[in-house]
């Protein structure tokens, strides 16, 4: 409209630092399970979802959920001597992060 001048529009934006999730480690491996641990930005995730699946994709995958303040879980009740694929997702605002991935195998049954 001729003769009218509006004020310029200004906006201020800030980006939050992306929460970090890294260093997926598998330890304490035995015939029936193992321990999984990872690092994550404190308070960034409401929970973590851990998917464990046999590498041959013959069994149903196992899903475990832990609170966001935990960064490890003991996985038990697995089959001896087979490979497993592990994915760990951080969950914030009902959104899953990109997964951390590891591959491991349970030990063979000890010979007596």
N, C-alpha and C. Protein backbone atom coordinates (compact mmCIF):
# COMPACT_ATOMS: atom_id res chain seq x y z
N UNK A 1 0.86 -1.16 0.00
CA UNK A 1 0.00 0.00 0.00
C UNK A 1 0.90 1.21 0.00
N UNK A 2 0.56 2.13 -0.85
CA UNK A 2 1.39 3.31 -1.02
C UNK A 2 1.31 4.21 0.21
N UNK A 3 2.48 4.67 0.64
CA UNK A 3 2.53 5.58 1.76
C UNK A 3 2.71 4.92 3.12
N UNK A 4 2.51 3.63 3.22
CA UNK A 4 2.66 2.94 4.49
C UNK A 4 3.99 2.20 4.52
N UNK A 5 4.65 2.33 5.59
CA UNK A 5 5.94 1.66 5.75
C UNK A 5 5.90 0.81 7.02
N UNK A 6 6.15 -0.46 6.88
CA UNK A 6 6.13 -1.31 8.07
C UNK A 6 7.53 -1.43 8.65
N UNK A 7 7.59 -1.82 9.89
CA UNK A 7 8.87 -2.04 10.55
C UNK A 7 9.49 -3.34 10.01
N UNK A 8 10.79 -3.40 9.89
CA UNK A 8 11.42 -4.64 9.43
C UNK A 8 11.20 -5.76 10.44
N UNK A 9 11.03 -6.95 9.92
CA UNK A 9 10.84 -8.12 10.76
C UNK A 9 12.20 -8.68 11.13
N UNK A 10 12.41 -8.93 12.41
CA UNK A 10 13.67 -9.53 12.85
C UNK A 10 13.37 -10.79 13.64
N UNK A 11 14.28 -11.70 13.59
CA UNK A 11 14.13 -12.95 14.33
C UNK A 11 15.48 -13.36 14.88
N UNK A 12 15.43 -14.02 16.01
CA UNK A 12 16.64 -14.55 16.62
C UNK A 12 16.45 -16.05 16.74
N UNK A 13 17.42 -16.80 16.27
CA UNK A 13 17.33 -18.26 16.35
C UNK A 13 18.59 -18.81 17.00
N UNK A 14 18.40 -19.85 17.75
CA UNK A 14 19.53 -20.54 18.37
C UNK A 14 19.35 -22.03 18.15
N UNK A 15 20.44 -22.69 17.89
CA UNK A 15 20.35 -24.13 17.72
C UNK A 15 20.92 -24.80 18.97
N UNK A 16 20.23 -25.85 19.39
CA UNK A 16 20.72 -26.61 20.52
C UNK A 16 21.80 -27.55 20.04
N UNK A 17 22.74 -27.81 20.92
CA UNK A 17 23.77 -28.78 20.58
C UNK A 17 23.11 -30.14 20.51
N UNK A 18 23.42 -30.89 19.45
CA UNK A 18 22.84 -32.23 19.31
C UNK A 18 23.37 -33.13 20.42
N UNK A 19 22.47 -33.88 21.05
CA UNK A 19 22.96 -34.80 22.09
C UNK A 19 23.85 -35.86 21.46
N UNK A 20 24.87 -36.24 22.20
CA UNK A 20 25.80 -37.23 21.68
C UNK A 20 25.55 -38.58 22.32
N UNK A 21 25.69 -39.59 21.51
CA UNK A 21 25.63 -40.97 21.95
C UNK A 21 26.74 -41.67 21.18
N UNK A 22 27.68 -42.31 21.90
CA UNK A 22 28.83 -42.88 21.22
C UNK A 22 29.47 -43.99 22.05
N UNK A 23 30.49 -44.60 21.48
CA UNK A 23 31.33 -45.59 22.16
C UNK A 23 30.56 -46.79 22.70
N UNK A 24 29.84 -47.47 21.85
CA UNK A 24 29.16 -48.70 22.26
C UNK A 24 30.20 -49.78 22.50
N UNK A 25 30.18 -50.35 23.70
CA UNK A 25 31.17 -51.35 24.08
C UNK A 25 30.46 -52.62 24.56
N UNK A 26 31.03 -53.76 24.21
CA UNK A 26 30.52 -55.05 24.66
C UNK A 26 31.61 -55.68 25.52
N UNK A 27 31.23 -56.10 26.73
CA UNK A 27 32.21 -56.69 27.65
C UNK A 27 31.56 -57.83 28.43
N UNK A 28 32.33 -58.46 29.29
CA UNK A 28 31.84 -59.55 30.14
C UNK A 28 31.10 -60.62 29.32
N UNK A 29 31.67 -60.96 28.18
CA UNK A 29 31.05 -61.95 27.30
C UNK A 29 31.21 -63.35 27.89
N UNK A 30 30.11 -64.09 27.95
CA UNK A 30 30.17 -65.48 28.39
C UNK A 30 29.27 -66.32 27.49
N UNK A 31 28.98 -67.54 27.88
CA UNK A 31 28.19 -68.45 27.04
C UNK A 31 26.74 -68.01 26.86
N UNK A 32 26.20 -67.26 27.83
CA UNK A 32 24.77 -66.95 27.81
C UNK A 32 24.45 -65.46 27.77
N UNK A 33 25.47 -64.62 27.58
CA UNK A 33 25.17 -63.20 27.54
C UNK A 33 26.41 -62.32 27.54
N UNK A 34 26.18 -61.03 27.74
CA UNK A 34 27.25 -60.03 27.74
C UNK A 34 26.71 -58.73 28.34
N UNK A 35 27.62 -57.80 28.57
CA UNK A 35 27.25 -56.48 29.07
C UNK A 35 27.46 -55.48 27.95
N UNK A 36 26.51 -54.57 27.78
CA UNK A 36 26.61 -53.50 26.79
C UNK A 36 26.67 -52.18 27.54
N UNK A 37 27.57 -51.30 27.12
CA UNK A 37 27.62 -49.96 27.71
C UNK A 37 27.93 -48.94 26.62
N UNK A 38 27.55 -47.69 26.86
CA UNK A 38 27.72 -46.62 25.89
C UNK A 38 27.82 -45.29 26.63
N UNK A 39 28.30 -44.29 25.93
CA UNK A 39 28.37 -42.93 26.47
C UNK A 39 27.28 -42.09 25.82
N UNK A 40 26.70 -41.18 26.60
CA UNK A 40 25.67 -40.29 26.08
C UNK A 40 25.68 -38.99 26.88
N UNK A 41 25.26 -37.91 26.24
CA UNK A 41 25.14 -36.62 26.91
C UNK A 41 24.16 -36.76 28.07
N UNK A 42 24.58 -36.35 29.28
CA UNK A 42 23.72 -36.46 30.46
C UNK A 42 22.42 -35.69 30.27
N UNK A 43 21.32 -36.35 30.57
CA UNK A 43 20.01 -35.72 30.52
C UNK A 43 19.43 -35.50 29.14
N UNK A 44 20.12 -35.93 28.10
CA UNK A 44 19.66 -35.66 26.74
C UNK A 44 18.58 -36.64 26.27
N UNK A 45 18.56 -37.82 26.85
CA UNK A 45 17.61 -38.84 26.40
C UNK A 45 16.70 -39.26 27.54
N UNK A 46 15.44 -39.50 27.21
CA UNK A 46 14.46 -39.97 28.19
C UNK A 46 14.65 -41.45 28.48
N UNK A 47 15.06 -42.19 27.45
CA UNK A 47 15.29 -43.63 27.59
C UNK A 47 16.20 -44.10 26.47
N UNK A 48 16.61 -45.35 26.59
CA UNK A 48 17.39 -46.01 25.54
C UNK A 48 16.70 -47.33 25.20
N UNK A 49 16.67 -47.65 23.92
CA UNK A 49 16.12 -48.92 23.45
C UNK A 49 17.28 -49.74 22.91
N UNK A 50 17.39 -50.96 23.40
CA UNK A 50 18.46 -51.86 23.00
C UNK A 50 17.85 -53.04 22.25
N UNK A 51 18.25 -53.20 21.01
CA UNK A 51 17.76 -54.32 20.18
C UNK A 51 18.91 -55.32 20.03
N UNK A 52 18.63 -56.57 20.36
CA UNK A 52 19.62 -57.64 20.23
C UNK A 52 19.00 -58.71 19.33
N UNK A 53 19.73 -59.05 18.29
CA UNK A 53 19.22 -60.02 17.31
C UNK A 53 20.34 -60.96 16.91
N UNK A 54 20.00 -62.24 16.75
CA UNK A 54 21.02 -63.18 16.29
C UNK A 54 21.43 -62.81 14.86
N UNK A 55 22.71 -62.96 14.57
CA UNK A 55 23.24 -62.54 13.27
C UNK A 55 22.62 -63.30 12.11
N UNK A 56 22.15 -64.52 12.34
CA UNK A 56 21.53 -65.31 11.28
C UNK A 56 20.07 -64.98 11.05
N UNK A 57 19.50 -64.12 11.88
CA UNK A 57 18.09 -63.69 11.77
C UNK A 57 17.11 -64.87 11.84
N UNK A 58 17.44 -65.86 12.67
CA UNK A 58 16.57 -67.02 12.81
C UNK A 58 15.62 -66.89 14.00
N UNK A 59 16.00 -66.10 14.98
CA UNK A 59 15.21 -65.95 16.21
C UNK A 59 14.53 -64.58 16.25
N UNK A 60 13.53 -64.47 17.10
CA UNK A 60 12.87 -63.17 17.28
C UNK A 60 13.86 -62.20 17.95
N UNK A 61 13.92 -60.96 17.48
CA UNK A 61 14.81 -60.00 18.13
C UNK A 61 14.32 -59.69 19.56
N UNK A 62 15.25 -59.37 20.43
CA UNK A 62 14.93 -58.99 21.80
C UNK A 62 15.05 -57.48 21.92
N UNK A 63 14.07 -56.87 22.57
CA UNK A 63 14.10 -55.42 22.78
C UNK A 63 14.09 -55.14 24.28
N UNK A 64 15.03 -54.33 24.71
CA UNK A 64 15.13 -53.93 26.11
C UNK A 64 15.03 -52.41 26.17
N UNK A 65 14.43 -51.89 27.23
CA UNK A 65 14.33 -50.45 27.40
C UNK A 65 14.85 -50.09 28.79
N UNK A 66 15.72 -49.07 28.84
CA UNK A 66 16.24 -48.59 30.12
C UNK A 66 16.04 -47.09 30.19
N UNK A 67 16.04 -46.55 31.39
CA UNK A 67 15.85 -45.11 31.57
C UNK A 67 17.05 -44.34 31.03
N UNK A 68 16.84 -43.06 30.76
CA UNK A 68 17.86 -42.22 30.16
C UNK A 68 19.08 -41.96 31.02
N UNK A 69 18.99 -42.26 32.32
CA UNK A 69 20.16 -42.06 33.18
C UNK A 69 21.05 -43.30 33.26
N UNK A 70 20.63 -44.38 32.61
CA UNK A 70 21.45 -45.60 32.57
C UNK A 70 22.20 -45.66 31.25
N UNK A 71 23.44 -46.12 31.32
CA UNK A 71 24.26 -46.23 30.12
C UNK A 71 24.86 -47.62 29.99
N UNK A 72 24.19 -48.61 30.57
CA UNK A 72 24.65 -50.00 30.42
C UNK A 72 23.51 -50.95 30.74
N UNK A 73 23.66 -52.19 30.26
CA UNK A 73 22.67 -53.23 30.53
C UNK A 73 23.35 -54.59 30.38
N UNK A 74 22.97 -55.51 31.25
CA UNK A 74 23.41 -56.90 31.12
C UNK A 74 22.37 -57.65 30.30
N UNK A 75 22.81 -58.27 29.24
CA UNK A 75 21.92 -59.07 28.39
C UNK A 75 22.18 -60.53 28.73
N UNK A 76 21.12 -61.23 29.15
CA UNK A 76 21.27 -62.63 29.58
C UNK A 76 20.26 -63.51 28.86
N UNK A 77 20.46 -64.82 28.99
CA UNK A 77 19.51 -65.77 28.42
C UNK A 77 19.69 -66.01 26.93
N UNK A 78 20.90 -65.77 26.42
CA UNK A 78 21.16 -65.96 25.00
C UNK A 78 21.62 -67.39 24.72
N UNK A 79 21.71 -67.72 23.46
CA UNK A 79 22.16 -69.05 23.04
C UNK A 79 23.67 -69.04 22.91
N UNK A 80 24.29 -70.14 23.33
CA UNK A 80 25.75 -70.22 23.32
C UNK A 80 26.31 -70.32 21.90
N UNK A 81 27.47 -69.69 21.71
CA UNK A 81 28.25 -69.86 20.50
C UNK A 81 27.67 -69.30 19.21
N UNK A 82 26.81 -68.29 19.29
CA UNK A 82 26.32 -67.69 18.05
C UNK A 82 26.54 -66.17 18.07
N UNK A 83 26.50 -65.57 16.89
CA UNK A 83 26.71 -64.14 16.75
C UNK A 83 25.45 -63.34 17.02
N UNK A 84 25.65 -62.12 17.49
CA UNK A 84 24.53 -61.21 17.77
C UNK A 84 24.84 -59.82 17.23
N UNK A 85 23.81 -59.18 16.68
CA UNK A 85 23.88 -57.78 16.26
C UNK A 85 23.17 -56.95 17.33
N UNK A 86 23.79 -55.84 17.71
CA UNK A 86 23.26 -55.00 18.77
C UNK A 86 23.07 -53.59 18.24
N UNK A 87 21.89 -53.02 18.47
CA UNK A 87 21.61 -51.63 18.14
C UNK A 87 21.11 -50.93 19.40
N UNK A 88 21.66 -49.76 19.69
CA UNK A 88 21.21 -48.95 20.83
C UNK A 88 20.73 -47.62 20.29
N UNK A 89 19.48 -47.26 20.63
CA UNK A 89 18.87 -46.00 20.21
C UNK A 89 18.62 -45.13 21.44
N UNK A 90 18.87 -43.84 21.34
CA UNK A 90 18.44 -42.90 22.35
C UNK A 90 17.05 -42.40 21.98
N UNK A 91 16.17 -42.22 22.98
CA UNK A 91 14.81 -41.75 22.72
C UNK A 91 14.61 -40.42 23.44
N UNK A 92 14.22 -39.39 22.66
CA UNK A 92 13.89 -38.07 23.21
C UNK A 92 12.70 -37.53 22.44
N UNK A 93 11.70 -37.05 23.15
CA UNK A 93 10.47 -36.53 22.53
C UNK A 93 9.86 -37.54 21.55
N UNK A 94 9.82 -38.78 21.95
CA UNK A 94 9.25 -39.88 21.15
C UNK A 94 9.96 -40.09 19.81
N UNK A 95 11.17 -39.60 19.68
CA UNK A 95 11.96 -39.79 18.46
C UNK A 95 13.20 -40.61 18.79
N UNK A 96 13.49 -41.61 17.95
CA UNK A 96 14.70 -42.41 18.13
C UNK A 96 15.88 -41.77 17.41
N UNK A 97 17.02 -41.83 18.05
CA UNK A 97 18.25 -41.35 17.42
C UNK A 97 18.73 -42.37 16.39
N UNK A 98 19.76 -42.01 15.66
CA UNK A 98 20.44 -43.00 14.83
C UNK A 98 21.07 -44.00 15.79
N UNK A 99 21.08 -45.28 15.43
CA UNK A 99 21.57 -46.28 16.39
C UNK A 99 23.10 -46.37 16.46
N UNK A 100 23.57 -46.78 17.62
CA UNK A 100 24.94 -47.26 17.75
C UNK A 100 24.87 -48.75 17.43
N UNK A 101 25.90 -49.28 16.80
CA UNK A 101 25.86 -50.67 16.34
C UNK A 101 27.12 -51.41 16.80
N UNK A 102 26.93 -52.65 17.21
CA UNK A 102 28.06 -53.53 17.53
C UNK A 102 27.67 -54.95 17.14
N UNK A 103 28.68 -55.76 16.96
CA UNK A 103 28.49 -57.17 16.62
C UNK A 103 29.36 -57.96 17.60
N UNK A 104 28.80 -59.04 18.13
CA UNK A 104 29.57 -59.88 19.06
C UNK A 104 29.07 -61.31 18.96
N UNK A 105 29.67 -62.21 19.70
CA UNK A 105 29.23 -63.60 19.75
C UNK A 105 29.36 -64.09 21.18
N UNK A 106 28.39 -64.91 21.58
CA UNK A 106 28.52 -65.55 22.89
C UNK A 106 29.57 -66.65 22.78
N UNK A 107 30.15 -66.99 23.94
CA UNK A 107 31.16 -68.04 23.94
C UNK A 107 30.50 -69.39 23.75
N UNK A 108 31.27 -70.33 23.22
CA UNK A 108 30.79 -71.70 23.07
C UNK A 108 30.63 -72.33 24.45
N UNK A 109 29.80 -73.32 24.54
CA UNK A 109 29.58 -74.04 25.81
C UNK A 109 30.93 -74.61 26.27
N UNK A 110 31.31 -74.36 27.51
CA UNK A 110 32.59 -74.91 27.98
C UNK A 110 32.58 -76.44 27.98
N UNK A 111 33.67 -77.02 27.54
CA UNK A 111 33.77 -78.49 27.53
C UNK A 111 34.15 -78.95 28.93
N UNK A 112 33.55 -80.06 29.32
CA UNK A 112 33.78 -80.59 30.67
C UNK A 112 34.70 -81.79 30.60
